[in-house]
Every structure is written in structure tokens, then in C-alpha cells.
Amino acid sequence: MFPYEGPLRLLRAKYAYSPSEIKEILHLAGLNELEVIPLVQTFGHMEFVLKHTAFAHLREVGSFPCTLNPHEAESLAL
């Protein structure tokens, strides 16, 4: 649901939140003393990224889009 931009734009969900909606969510959370904790994917849960052809070269095993290869230099940036 995150409104990805730039090289990650292809990861954006069809009905992603707008930047203004994200700001509103953060504002309301703060007013209600809630801490927003982003979901951070780990090496073995990257299907939403690695299923795309543009990121397939970062797979641990080429035919399986679930695991990120930590030995690829681009993996750290991703």
C-alpha cells in the first residue's frame, strides 16, 4: 500500500495510499500516541519485489521469487 516512486514505482499497489494519506495516517497515529512501525521484508519474504522481471536477477534461486540473494551488490540498496 506504500506509494513507491522512482525505480521502485513498479512495486506500487493499484490502490496504494497517496503521500497525503500517508501523512494523515502518521498525524492521526501521533495524536493517538501510536507508534507506526514500518513492515520491513527479510531475505526470505521478497516475492512482492522479486516476482518482477526487473528484479529477478536479485533472486537467490532464479526460478523462485521468494528469496533475495544477499551476495548481489544491488540487494543491499534494495
PDB file of N, CA and C in Angstrom:
ATOM      1  N   MET A   1       0.804  -1.197   0.000  1.00  0.00           N
ATOM      2  CA  MET A   1       0.000   0.000   0.000  1.00  0.00           C
ATOM      3  C   MET A   1       0.850   1.265   0.000  1.00  0.00           C
ATOM      4  N   PHE A   2       2.168   1.101   0.083  1.00  0.00           N
ATOM      5  CA  PHE A   2       3.050   2.266   0.112  1.00  0.00           C
ATOM      6  C   PHE A   2       3.149   2.865  -1.288  1.00  0.00           C
ATOM      7  N   PRO A   3       3.145   4.191  -1.386  1.00  0.00           N
ATOM      8  CA  PRO A   3       3.212   4.846  -2.703  1.00  0.00           C
ATOM      9  C   PRO A   3       4.650   4.968  -3.228  1.00  0.00           C
ATOM     10  N   TYR A   4       5.224   3.841  -3.598  1.00  0.00           N
ATOM     11  CA  TYR A   4       6.600   3.836  -4.093  1.00  0.00           C
ATOM     12  C   TYR A   4       6.750   4.755  -5.305  1.00  0.00           C
ATOM     13  N   GLU A   5       7.918   5.365  -5.435  1.00  0.00           N
ATOM     14  CA  GLU A   5       8.256   6.231  -6.568  1.00  0.00           C
ATOM     15  C   GLU A   5       9.605   5.802  -7.135  1.00  0.00           C
ATOM     16  N   GLY A   6       9.995   6.403  -8.227  1.00  0.00           N
ATOM     17  CA  GLY A   6      11.296   6.153  -8.826  1.00  0.00           C
ATOM     18  C   GLY A   6      11.443   4.716  -9.291  1.00  0.00           C
ATOM     19  N   PRO A   7      12.638   4.123  -9.111  1.00  0.00           N
ATOM     20  CA  PRO A   7      12.893   2.766  -9.596  1.00  0.00           C
ATOM     21  C   PRO A   7      11.973   1.705  -8.963  1.00  0.00           C
ATOM     22  N   LEU A   8      11.410   2.009  -7.808  1.00  0.00           N
ATOM     23  CA  LEU A   8      10.535   1.047  -7.121  1.00  0.00           C
ATOM     24  C   LEU A   8       9.053   1.261  -7.438  1.00  0.00           C
ATOM     25  N   ARG A   9       8.751   2.190  -8.314  1.00  0.00           N
ATOM     26  CA  ARG A   9       7.355   2.502  -8.625  1.00  0.00           C
ATOM     27  C   ARG A   9       6.570   1.266  -9.076  1.00  0.00           C
ATOM     28  N   LEU A  10       7.213   0.338  -9.756  1.00  0.00           N
ATOM     29  CA  LEU A  10       6.500  -0.847 -10.235  1.00  0.00           C
ATOM     30  C   LEU A  10       6.004  -1.726  -9.088  1.00  0.00           C
ATOM     31  N   LEU A  11       6.466  -1.464  -7.860  1.00  0.00           N
ATOM     32  CA  LEU A  11       6.005  -2.213  -6.686  1.00  0.00           C
ATOM     33  C   LEU A  11       4.728  -1.623  -6.082  1.00  0.00           C
ATOM     34  N   ARG A  12       4.351  -0.450  -6.555  1.00  0.00           N
ATOM     35  CA  ARG A  12       3.181   0.242  -6.004  1.00  0.00           C
ATOM     36  C   ARG A  12       1.909  -0.552  -6.281  1.00  0.00           C
ATOM     37  N   ALA A  13       1.101  -0.725  -5.239  1.00  0.00           N
ATOM     38  CA  ALA A  13      -0.179  -1.407  -5.392  1.00  0.00           C
ATOM     39  C   ALA A  13      -1.141  -0.540  -6.200  1.00  0.00           C
ATOM     40  N   LYS A  14      -2.080  -1.176  -6.856  1.00  0.00           N
ATOM     41  CA  LYS A  14      -3.048  -0.455  -7.680  1.00  0.00           C
ATOM     42  C   LYS A  14      -3.771   0.623  -6.871  1.00  0.00           C
ATOM     43  N   TYR A  15      -4.105   0.313  -5.641  1.00  0.00           N
ATOM     44  CA  TYR A  15      -4.826   1.255  -4.788  1.00  0.00           C
ATOM     45  C   TYR A  15      -3.946   1.729  -3.628  1.00  0.00           C
ATOM     46  N   ALA A  16      -2.707   2.051  -3.924  1.00  0.00           N
ATOM     47  CA  ALA A  16      -1.766   2.500  -2.894  1.00  0.00           C
ATOM     48  C   ALA A  16      -2.239   3.806  -2.269  1.00  0.00           C
ATOM     49  N   TYR A  17      -1.832   4.003  -1.025  1.00  0.00           N
ATOM     50  CA  TYR A  17      -2.111   5.271  -0.360  1.00  0.00           C
ATOM     51  C   TYR A  17      -1.403   6.397  -1.100  1.00  0.00           C
ATOM     52  N   SER A  18      -1.977   7.581  -1.078  1.00  0.00           N
ATOM     53  CA  SER A  18      -1.318   8.751  -1.648  1.00  0.00           C
ATOM     54  C   SER A  18      -0.361   9.298  -0.585  1.00  0.00           C
ATOM     55  N   PRO A  19       0.617  10.114  -1.000  1.00  0.00           N
ATOM     56  CA  PRO A  19       1.505  10.720   0.002  1.00  0.00           C
ATOM     57  C   PRO A  19       0.727  11.517   1.057  1.00  0.00           C
ATOM     58  N   SER A  20      -0.342  12.179   0.661  1.00  0.00           N
ATOM     59  CA  SER A  20      -1.122  12.944   1.651  1.00  0.00           C
ATOM     60  C   SER A  20      -1.844  12.002   2.624  1.00  0.00           C
ATOM     61  N   GLU A  21      -2.282  10.845   2.147  1.00  0.00           N
ATOM     62  CA  GLU A  21      -2.911   9.868   3.040  1.00  0.00           C
ATOM     63  C   GLU A  21      -1.901   9.313   4.049  1.00  0.00           C
ATOM     64  N   ILE A  22      -0.688   9.077   3.590  1.00  0.00           N
ATOM     65  CA  ILE A  22       0.376   8.606   4.486  1.00  0.00           C
ATOM     66  C   ILE A  22       0.618   9.652   5.578  1.00  0.00           C
ATOM     67  N   LYS A  23       0.705  10.926   5.184  1.00  0.00           N
ATOM     68  CA  LYS A  23       0.909  11.989   6.169  1.00  0.00           C
ATOM     69  C   LYS A  23      -0.237  12.033   7.173  1.00  0.00           C
ATOM     70  N   GLU A  24      -1.450  11.868   6.705  1.00  0.00           N
ATOM     71  CA  GLU A  24      -2.618  11.886   7.588  1.00  0.00           C
ATOM     72  C   GLU A  24      -2.589  10.707   8.560  1.00  0.00           C
ATOM     73  N   ILE A  25      -2.238   9.535   8.072  1.00  0.00           N
ATOM     74  CA  ILE A  25      -2.130   8.349   8.934  1.00  0.00           C
ATOM     75  C   ILE A  25      -1.098   8.600  10.036  1.00  0.00           C
ATOM     76  N   LEU A  26       0.057   9.132   9.653  1.00  0.00           N
ATOM     77  CA  LEU A  26       1.108   9.410  10.630  1.00  0.00           C
ATOM     78  C   LEU A  26       0.658  10.470  11.637  1.00  0.00           C
ATOM     79  N   HIS A  27      -0.035  11.478  11.140  1.00  0.00           N
ATOM     80  CA  HIS A  27      -0.543  12.536  12.018  1.00  0.00           C
ATOM     81  C   HIS A  27      -1.543  11.967  13.030  1.00  0.00           C
ATOM     82  N   LEU A  28      -2.502  11.192  12.549  1.00  0.00           N
ATOM     83  CA  LEU A  28      -3.515  10.612  13.434  1.00  0.00           C
ATOM     84  C   LEU A  28      -2.890   9.637  14.438  1.00  0.00           C
ATOM     85  N   ALA A  29      -1.906   8.893  13.991  1.00  0.00           N
ATOM     86  CA  ALA A  29      -1.217   7.979  14.902  1.00  0.00           C
ATOM     87  C   ALA A  29      -0.554   8.765  16.027  1.00  0.00           C
ATOM     88  N   GLY A  30       0.106   9.850  15.665  1.00  0.00           N
ATOM     89  CA  GLY A  30       0.756  10.689  16.676  1.00  0.00           C
ATOM     90  C   GLY A  30      -0.229  11.273  17.668  1.00  0.00           C
ATOM     91  N   LEU A  31      -1.367  11.746  17.174  1.00  0.00           N
ATOM     92  CA  LEU A  31      -2.397  12.302  18.055  1.00  0.00           C
ATOM     93  C   LEU A  31      -2.927  11.273  19.040  1.00  0.00           C
ATOM     94  N   ASN A  32      -2.900  10.024  18.639  1.00  0.00           N
ATOM     95  CA  ASN A  32      -3.410   8.939  19.473  1.00  0.00           C
ATOM     96  C   ASN A  32      -2.308   8.157  20.190  1.00  0.00           C
ATOM     97  N   GLU A  33      -1.121   8.757  20.200  1.00  0.00           N
ATOM     98  CA  GLU A  33       0.038   8.170  20.875  1.00  0.00           C
ATOM     99  C   GLU A  33       0.343   6.759  20.399  1.00  0.00           C
ATOM    100  N   LEU A  34       0.215   6.554  19.093  1.00  0.00           N
ATOM    101  CA  LEU A  34       0.544   5.275  18.472  1.00  0.00           C
ATOM    102  C   LEU A  34       1.857   5.413  17.712  1.00  0.00           C
ATOM    103  N   GLU A  35       2.668   4.399  17.784  1.00  0.00           N
ATOM    104  CA  GLU A  35       3.921   4.381  17.050  1.00  0.00           C
ATOM    105  C   GLU A  35       3.724   3.579  15.764  1.00  0.00           C
ATOM    106  N   VAL A  36       4.056   4.183  14.646  1.00  0.00           N
ATOM    107  CA  VAL A  36       3.958   3.496  13.359  1.00  0.00           C
ATOM    108  C   VAL A  36       5.268   2.754  13.128  1.00  0.00           C
ATOM    109  N   ILE A  37       5.166   1.450  12.920  1.00  0.00           N
ATOM    110  CA  ILE A  37       6.349   0.626  12.699  1.00  0.00           C
ATOM    111  C   ILE A  37       6.253   0.058  11.284  1.00  0.00           C
ATOM    112  N   PRO A  38       7.136   0.493  10.384  1.00  0.00           N
ATOM    113  CA  PRO A  38       7.079   0.007   9.005  1.00  0.00           C
ATOM    114  C   PRO A  38       7.352  -1.495   8.910  1.00  0.00           C
ATOM    115  N   LEU A  39       6.697  -2.125   7.962  1.00  0.00           N
ATOM    116  CA  LEU A  39       6.963  -3.524   7.673  1.00  0.00           C
ATOM    117  C   LEU A  39       8.248  -3.581   6.856  1.00  0.00           C
ATOM    118  N   VAL A  40       9.222  -4.310   7.347  1.00  0.00           N
ATOM    119  CA  VAL A  40      10.492  -4.467   6.642  1.00  0.00           C
ATOM    120  C   VAL A  40      10.604  -5.926   6.234  1.00  0.00           C
ATOM    121  N   GLN A  41      10.644  -6.160   4.952  1.00  0.00           N
ATOM    122  CA  GLN A  41      10.743  -7.529   4.460  1.00  0.00           C
ATOM    123  C   GLN A  41      12.145  -8.079   4.718  1.00  0.00           C
ATOM    124  N   THR A  42      12.220  -9.381   4.939  1.00  0.00           N
ATOM    125  CA  THR A  42      13.505 -10.040   5.146  1.00  0.00           C
ATOM    126  C   THR A  42      13.875 -10.833   3.894  1.00  0.00           C
ATOM    127  N   PHE A  43      15.053 -11.414   3.892  1.00  0.00           N
ATOM    128  CA  PHE A  43      15.562 -12.123   2.717  1.00  0.00           C
ATOM    129  C   PHE A  43      14.579 -13.134   2.130  1.00  0.00           C
ATOM    130  N   GLY A  44      13.871 -13.842   2.977  1.00  0.00           N
ATOM    131  CA  GLY A  44      13.009 -14.921   2.507  1.00  0.00           C
ATOM    132  C   GLY A  44      11.573 -14.535   2.229  1.00  0.00           C
ATOM    133  N   HIS A  45      11.264 -13.256   2.262  1.00  0.00           N
ATOM    134  CA  HIS A  45       9.883 -12.812   2.053  1.00  0.00           C
ATOM    135  C   HIS A  45       9.836 -11.654   1.056  1.00  0.00           C
ATOM    136  N   MET A  46      10.459 -11.827  -0.071  1.00  0.00           N
ATOM    137  CA  MET A  46      10.591 -10.735  -1.039  1.00  0.00           C
ATOM    138  C   MET A  46       9.808 -10.963  -2.330  1.00  0.00           C
ATOM    139  N   GLU A  47       8.788 -11.843  -2.286  1.00  0.00           N
ATOM    140  CA  GLU A  47       8.040 -12.157  -3.506  1.00  0.00           C
ATOM    141  C   GLU A  47       7.465 -10.919  -4.174  1.00  0.00           C
ATOM    142  N   PHE A  48       6.981  -9.974  -3.374  1.00  0.00           N
ATOM    143  CA  PHE A  48       6.333  -8.810  -3.967  1.00  0.00           C
ATOM    144  C   PHE A  48       7.301  -7.977  -4.795  1.00  0.00           C
ATOM    145  N   VAL A  49       8.595  -8.134  -4.559  1.00  0.00           N
ATOM    146  CA  VAL A  49       9.616  -7.437  -5.347  1.00  0.00           C
ATOM    147  C   VAL A  49      10.176  -8.361  -6.433  1.00  0.00           C
ATOM    148  N   LEU A  50      10.608  -9.544  -6.010  1.00  0.00           N
ATOM    149  CA  LEU A  50      11.353 -10.437  -6.901  1.00  0.00           C
ATOM    150  C   LEU A  50      10.498 -11.108  -7.972  1.00  0.00           C
ATOM    151  N   LYS A  51       9.176 -10.984  -7.884  1.00  0.00           N
ATOM    152  CA  LYS A  51       8.314 -11.536  -8.940  1.00  0.00           C
ATOM    153  C   LYS A  51       8.405 -10.703 -10.215  1.00  0.00           C
ATOM    154  N   HIS A  52       8.906  -9.484 -10.103  1.00  0.00           N
ATOM    155  CA  HIS A  52       9.029  -8.593 -11.261  1.00  0.00           C
ATOM    156  C   HIS A  52      10.322  -8.884 -12.031  1.00  0.00           C
ATOM    157  N   THR A  53      10.219  -8.913 -13.324  1.00  0.00           N
ATOM    158  CA  THR A  53      11.368  -9.183 -14.186  1.00  0.00           C
ATOM    159  C   THR A  53      12.540  -8.251 -13.898  1.00  0.00           C
ATOM    160  N   ALA A  54      12.237  -6.998 -13.590  1.00  0.00           N
ATOM    161  CA  ALA A  54      13.288  -6.013 -13.333  1.00  0.00           C
ATOM    162  C   ALA A  54      14.155  -6.354 -12.126  1.00  0.00           C
ATOM    163  N   PHE A  55      13.637  -7.175 -11.212  1.00  0.00           N
ATOM    164  CA  PHE A  55      14.387  -7.539 -10.011  1.00  0.00           C
ATOM    165  C   PHE A  55      14.736  -9.025  -9.957  1.00  0.00           C
ATOM    166  N   ALA A  56      14.401  -9.785 -10.982  1.00  0.00           N
ATOM    167  CA  ALA A  56      14.627 -11.233 -10.993  1.00  0.00           C
ATOM    168  C   ALA A  56      16.106 -11.598 -10.815  1.00  0.00           C
ATOM    169  N   HIS A  57      16.992 -10.737 -11.276  1.00  0.00           N
ATOM    170  CA  HIS A  57      18.431 -11.030 -11.156  1.00  0.00           C
ATOM    171  C   HIS A  57      18.913 -11.006  -9.701  1.00  0.00           C
ATOM    172  N   LEU A  58      18.064 -10.546  -8.782  1.00  0.00           N
ATOM    173  CA  LEU A  58      18.439 -10.491  -7.369  1.00  0.00           C
ATOM    174  C   LEU A  58      17.939 -11.695  -6.562  1.00  0.00           C
ATOM    175  N   ARG A  59      17.337 -12.660  -7.250  1.00  0.00           N
ATOM    176  CA  ARG A  59      16.846 -13.869  -6.579  1.00  0.00           C
ATOM    177  C   ARG A  59      18.002 -14.772  -6.154  1.00  0.00           C
ATOM    178  N   GLU A  60      17.830 -15.428  -5.027  1.00  0.00           N
ATOM    179  CA  GLU A  60      18.815 -16.420  -4.575  1.00  0.00           C
ATOM    180  C   GLU A  60      18.835 -17.603  -5.543  1.00  0.00           C
ATOM    181  N   VAL A  61      17.643 -18.061  -5.930  1.00  0.00           N
ATOM    182  CA  VAL A  61      17.479 -19.140  -6.906  1.00  0.00           C
ATOM    183  C   VAL A  61      16.606 -18.580  -8.017  1.00  0.00           C
ATOM    184  N   GLY A  62      17.123 -18.582  -9.224  1.00  0.00           N
ATOM    185  CA  GLY A  62      16.454 -17.938 -10.345  1.00  0.00           C
ATOM    186  C   GLY A  62      14.992 -18.281 -10.558  1.00  0.00           C
ATOM    187  N   SER A  63      14.606 -19.513 -10.313  1.00  0.00           N
ATOM    188  CA  SER A  63      13.227 -19.927 -10.583  1.00  0.00           C
ATOM    189  C   SER A  63      12.269 -19.686  -9.415  1.00  0.00           C
ATOM    190  N   PHE A  64      12.789 -19.202  -8.286  1.00  0.00           N
ATOM    191  CA  PHE A  64      11.947 -18.953  -7.112  1.00  0.00           C
ATOM    192  C   PHE A  64      12.031 -17.487  -6.696  1.00  0.00           C
ATOM    193  N   PRO A  65      10.924 -16.758  -6.778  1.00  0.00           N
ATOM    194  CA  PRO A  65      10.964 -15.322  -6.479  1.00  0.00           C
ATOM    195  C   PRO A  65      10.798 -14.964  -5.000  1.00  0.00           C
ATOM    196  N   CYS A  66      11.049 -15.909  -4.114  1.00  0.00           N
ATOM    197  CA  CYS A  66      10.779 -15.629  -2.698  1.00  0.00           C
ATOM    198  C   CYS A  66      11.994 -15.144  -1.917  1.00  0.00           C
ATOM    199  N   THR A  67      13.198 -15.472  -2.366  1.00  0.00           N
ATOM    200  CA  THR A  67      14.375 -15.203  -1.544  1.00  0.00           C
ATOM    201  C   THR A  67      15.373 -14.296  -2.248  1.00  0.00           C
ATOM    202  N   LEU A  68      15.772 -13.265  -1.540  1.00  0.00           N
ATOM    203  CA  LEU A  68      16.754 -12.299  -2.025  1.00  0.00           C
ATOM    204  C   LEU A  68      18.162 -12.866  -1.863  1.00  0.00           C
ATOM    205  N   ASN A  69      19.006 -12.655  -2.850  1.00  0.00           N
ATOM    206  CA  ASN A  69      20.400 -13.099  -2.786  1.00  0.00           C
ATOM    207  C   ASN A  69      21.231 -12.005  -2.127  1.00  0.00           C
ATOM    208  N   PRO A  70      21.689 -12.229  -0.901  1.00  0.00           N
ATOM    209  CA  PRO A  70      22.450 -11.192  -0.193  1.00  0.00           C
ATOM    210  C   PRO A  70      23.840 -10.932  -0.781  1.00  0.00           C
ATOM    211  N   HIS A  71      24.280 -11.791  -1.699  1.00  0.00           N
ATOM    212  CA  HIS A  71      25.606 -11.627  -2.297  1.00  0.00           C
ATOM    213  C   HIS A  71      25.600 -10.671  -3.489  1.00  0.00           C
ATOM    214  N   GLU A  72      24.412 -10.298  -3.954  1.00  0.00           N
ATOM    215  CA  GLU A  72      24.314  -9.325  -5.053  1.00  0.00           C
ATOM    216  C   GLU A  72      24.442  -7.917  -4.477  1.00  0.00           C
ATOM    217  N   ALA A  73      25.293  -7.116  -5.078  1.00  0.00           N
ATOM    218  CA  ALA A  73      25.519  -5.753  -4.566  1.00  0.00           C
ATOM    219  C   ALA A  73      24.225  -4.935  -4.516  1.00  0.00           C
ATOM    220  N   GLU A  74      23.353  -5.107  -5.479  1.00  0.00           N
ATOM    221  CA  GLU A  74      22.107  -4.338  -5.516  1.00  0.00           C
ATOM    222  C   GLU A  74      21.137  -4.727  -4.403  1.00  0.00           C
ATOM    223  N   SER A  75      21.304  -5.902  -3.836  1.00  0.00           N
ATOM    224  CA  SER A  75      20.393  -6.356  -2.791  1.00  0.00           C
ATOM    225  C   SER A  75      20.427  -5.434  -1.565  1.00  0.00           C
ATOM    226  N   LEU A  76      21.593  -4.970  -1.211  1.00  0.00           N
ATOM    227  CA  LEU A  76      21.722  -4.091  -0.051  1.00  0.00           C
ATOM    228  C   LEU A  76      20.949  -2.787  -0.289  1.00  0.00           C
ATOM    229  N   ALA A  77      21.094  -2.224  -1.464  1.00  0.00           N
ATOM    230  CA  ALA A  77      20.382  -0.980  -1.775  1.00  0.00           C
ATOM    231  C   ALA A  77      18.874  -1.187  -1.765  1.00  0.00           C
ATOM    232  N   LEU A  78      18.435  -2.336  -2.284  1.00  0.00           N
ATOM    233  CA  LEU A  78      17.005  -2.632  -2.318  1.00  0.00           C
ATOM    234  C   LEU A  78      16.463  -2.757  -0.911  1.00  0.00           C
TER     235      LEU A  78
END
